[in-house]
Each structure stands twice: as structure tokens, then as C-alpha cells.
């Protein structure tokens, strides 16, 4: 008699999801959150570490990742300027710290 035939193992890959917390273009930390205020039709994108903030008008077809993209674009064009803060003194993501 022959052996029982083995079943082929099914490999399941997890579905990729859109992130909810993003990387800050100023400080490089993964701490940027997007808050939708549907009552006032405003969207606030804010870094929890360095305090970099951007405000946009709410568009119903946009997802939070789209507002993050607009936030990064405005930062790199110079429309959003990081506030000088005493609590955060780290280098930006593209700057290098002088080490001695």
C-alpha cells in the first residue's frame, strides 16, 4: 500500500497597510501624526518630537498619507519652517552633527 499524499503547505503573506505614523522630514523620527477635523474642514500634520506643524484644507478624496506627502513637499520647498525650540536641539535629517 502507498502512503498518504501530503498536502501542500499554503503560505500566507500579510497584506501591506498604509501607515498611520510617518517619518518627520526635519528631525528624522517616526512621530508625525495626521489629524482630520471634519467639523472645521481642516487637517493638521504635526511631529511629536520637534513640533513641526502644517495645516491643510480637508479634501474628501485624500487619505492621511496624501496629506503627509503635501506636508513633506511644503517643508522641502520652504513653505513650512521649523520653529526654533529649546527642548529639541538635534540635527535635521539632512544635517550632520559635528563629532569630536
C-alpha atoms as a PDB file:
ATOM      1  CA  UNK A   1       0.000   0.000   0.000  1.00  0.00           C
ATOM      2  CA  UNK A   2       1.123   3.507  -0.673  1.00  0.00           C
ATOM      3  CA  UNK A   3       1.485   6.368   1.730  1.00  0.00           C
ATOM      4  CA  UNK A   4      -0.987   9.122   2.126  1.00  0.00           C
ATOM      5  CA  UNK A   5      -0.227  12.100  -0.057  1.00  0.00           C
ATOM      6  CA  UNK A   6       0.976  15.205   1.819  1.00  0.00           C
ATOM      7  CA  UNK A   7      -0.994  18.408   1.404  1.00  0.00           C
ATOM      8  CA  UNK A   8       0.874  21.367   0.061  1.00  0.00           C
ATOM      9  CA  UNK A   9       1.506  23.986   2.722  1.00  0.00           C
ATOM     10  CA  UNK A  10      -0.238  27.292   1.997  1.00  0.00           C
ATOM     11  CA  UNK A  11       1.987  30.316   2.565  1.00  0.00           C
ATOM     12  CA  UNK A  12       0.012  33.388   3.561  1.00  0.00           C
ATOM     13  CA  UNK A  13       1.563  36.771   3.078  1.00  0.00           C
ATOM     14  CA  UNK A  14       0.297  39.595   5.253  1.00  0.00           C
ATOM     15  CA  UNK A  15      -1.373  42.438   3.373  1.00  0.00           C
ATOM     16  CA  UNK A  16       0.528  45.705   3.303  1.00  0.00           C
ATOM     17  CA  UNK A  17      -1.270  48.537   5.045  1.00  0.00           C
ATOM     18  CA  UNK A  18      -0.937  52.288   4.751  1.00  0.00           C
ATOM     19  CA  UNK A  19       0.946  53.584   7.820  1.00  0.00           C
ATOM     20  CA  UNK A  20      -0.654  55.926  10.351  1.00  0.00           C
ATOM     21  CA  UNK A  21       2.547  57.371  11.824  1.00  0.00           C
ATOM     22  CA  UNK A  22       5.152  58.814   9.477  1.00  0.00           C
ATOM     23  CA  UNK A  23       8.795  59.977   9.499  1.00  0.00           C
ATOM     24  CA  UNK A  24       9.453  63.668  10.156  1.00  0.00           C
ATOM     25  CA  UNK A  25      11.413  65.437   7.385  1.00  0.00           C
ATOM     26  CA  UNK A  26      13.025  67.757   9.981  1.00  0.00           C
ATOM     27  CA  UNK A  27      14.173  65.510  12.825  1.00  0.00           C
ATOM     28  CA  UNK A  28      14.023  62.057  11.175  1.00  0.00           C
ATOM     29  CA  UNK A  29      11.940  60.488  13.947  1.00  0.00           C
ATOM     30  CA  UNK A  30       8.881  58.328  13.269  1.00  0.00           C
ATOM     31  CA  UNK A  31       6.496  60.652  15.080  1.00  0.00           C
ATOM     32  CA  UNK A  32       4.386  62.575  12.535  1.00  0.00           C
ATOM     33  CA  UNK A  33       0.650  62.153  13.010  1.00  0.00           C
ATOM     34  CA  UNK A  34      -2.196  63.350  10.794  1.00  0.00           C
ATOM     35  CA  UNK A  35      -5.393  64.580  12.475  1.00  0.00           C
ATOM     36  CA  UNK A  36      -8.576  65.154  10.478  1.00  0.00           C
ATOM     37  CA  UNK A  37     -11.016  67.741  11.869  1.00  0.00           C
ATOM     38  CA  UNK A  38     -14.180  67.161   9.838  1.00  0.00           C
ATOM     39  CA  UNK A  39     -16.201  69.804  11.693  1.00  0.00           C
ATOM     40  CA  UNK A  40     -13.837  72.655  10.733  1.00  0.00           C
ATOM     41  CA  UNK A  41     -12.759  71.027   7.432  1.00  0.00           C
ATOM     42  CA  UNK A  42      -9.057  71.203   8.440  1.00  0.00           C
ATOM     43  CA  UNK A  43      -6.218  68.695   8.597  1.00  0.00           C
ATOM     44  CA  UNK A  44      -3.273  69.094  10.980  1.00  0.00           C
ATOM     45  CA  UNK A  45       0.013  67.282  10.378  1.00  0.00           C
ATOM     46  CA  UNK A  46       2.326  67.501  13.403  1.00  0.00           C
ATOM     47  CA  UNK A  47       5.595  65.982  14.585  1.00  0.00           C
ATOM     48  CA  UNK A  48       5.509  64.928  18.225  1.00  0.00           C
ATOM     49  CA  UNK A  49       9.255  65.372  18.743  1.00  0.00           C
ATOM     50  CA  UNK A  50      10.291  68.645  17.094  1.00  0.00           C
ATOM     51  CA  UNK A  51       6.844  70.291  16.871  1.00  0.00           C
ATOM     52  CA  UNK A  52       6.886  70.884  13.096  1.00  0.00           C
ATOM     53  CA  UNK A  53       3.270  71.602  12.114  1.00  0.00           C
ATOM     54  CA  UNK A  54       1.333  72.051   8.886  1.00  0.00           C
ATOM     55  CA  UNK A  55      -2.359  72.782   8.339  1.00  0.00           C
ATOM     56  CA  UNK A  56      -4.317  71.963   5.183  1.00  0.00           C
ATOM     57  CA  UNK A  57      -7.913  72.177   3.967  1.00  0.00           C
ATOM     58  CA  UNK A  58      -9.829  68.895   4.133  1.00  0.00           C
ATOM     59  CA  UNK A  59     -10.447  67.213   0.765  1.00  0.00           C
ATOM     60  CA  UNK A  60     -12.758  64.169   0.983  1.00  0.00           C
ATOM     61  CA  UNK A  61     -10.850  62.043  -1.534  1.00  0.00           C
ATOM     62  CA  UNK A  62      -7.460  62.375   0.209  1.00  0.00           C
ATOM     63  CA  UNK A  63      -6.137  59.825   2.691  1.00  0.00           C
ATOM     64  CA  UNK A  64      -3.803  60.754   5.610  1.00  0.00           C
ATOM     65  CA  UNK A  65      -0.786  59.604   3.567  1.00  0.00           C
ATOM     66  CA  UNK A  66      -1.674  62.208   0.896  1.00  0.00           C
ATOM     67  CA  UNK A  67      -1.639  64.999   3.476  1.00  0.00           C
ATOM     68  CA  UNK A  68       1.723  63.724   4.742  1.00  0.00           C
ATOM     69  CA  UNK A  69       3.063  63.931   1.186  1.00  0.00           C
ATOM     70  CA  UNK A  70       1.853  67.531   0.876  1.00  0.00           C
ATOM     71  CA  UNK A  71       3.443  68.282   4.262  1.00  0.00           C
ATOM     72  CA  UNK A  72       6.841  66.931   3.165  1.00  0.00           C
ATOM     73  CA  UNK A  73       6.653  68.812  -0.154  1.00  0.00           C
ATOM     74  CA  UNK A  74       5.882  72.098   1.594  1.00  0.00           C
ATOM     75  CA  UNK A  75       8.740  71.508   4.055  1.00  0.00           C
ATOM     76  CA  UNK A  76      11.275  70.918   1.280  1.00  0.00           C
ATOM     77  CA  UNK A  77      10.114  73.979  -0.694  1.00  0.00           C
ATOM     78  CA  UNK A  78      10.494  76.138   2.430  1.00  0.00           C
ATOM     79  CA  UNK A  79       6.811  76.962   2.971  1.00  0.00           C
ATOM     80  CA  UNK A  80       6.858  75.234   6.372  1.00  0.00           C
ATOM     81  CA  UNK A  81       9.696  76.432   8.586  1.00  0.00           C
ATOM     82  CA  UNK A  82      10.620  74.560  11.776  1.00  0.00           C
ATOM     83  CA  UNK A  83      10.228  76.638  14.929  1.00  0.00           C
ATOM     84  CA  UNK A  84      13.368  77.109  16.995  1.00  0.00           C
ATOM     85  CA  UNK A  85      12.711  75.238  20.207  1.00  0.00           C
ATOM     86  CA  UNK A  86      14.829  74.963  23.344  1.00  0.00           C
ATOM     87  CA  UNK A  87      13.607  71.446  24.091  1.00  0.00           C
ATOM     88  CA  UNK A  88      14.765  69.997  20.750  1.00  0.00           C
ATOM     89  CA  UNK A  89      18.338  70.640  19.645  1.00  0.00           C
ATOM     90  CA  UNK A  90      19.066  67.614  17.451  1.00  0.00           C
ATOM     91  CA  UNK A  91      20.294  67.811  13.866  1.00  0.00           C
ATOM     92  CA  UNK A  92      17.838  67.679  10.969  1.00  0.00           C
ATOM     93  CA  UNK A  93      17.574  64.581   8.822  1.00  0.00           C
ATOM     94  CA  UNK A  94      19.916  66.002   6.168  1.00  0.00           C
ATOM     95  CA  UNK A  95      22.310  67.751   8.536  1.00  0.00           C
ATOM     96  CA  UNK A  96      25.251  66.057  10.208  1.00  0.00           C
ATOM     97  CA  UNK A  97      26.268  66.584  13.796  1.00  0.00           C
ATOM     98  CA  UNK A  98      29.862  67.606  14.457  1.00  0.00           C
ATOM     99  CA  UNK A  99      31.554  64.899  16.454  1.00  0.00           C
ATOM    100  CA  UNK A 100      34.868  65.478  18.164  1.00  0.00           C
END
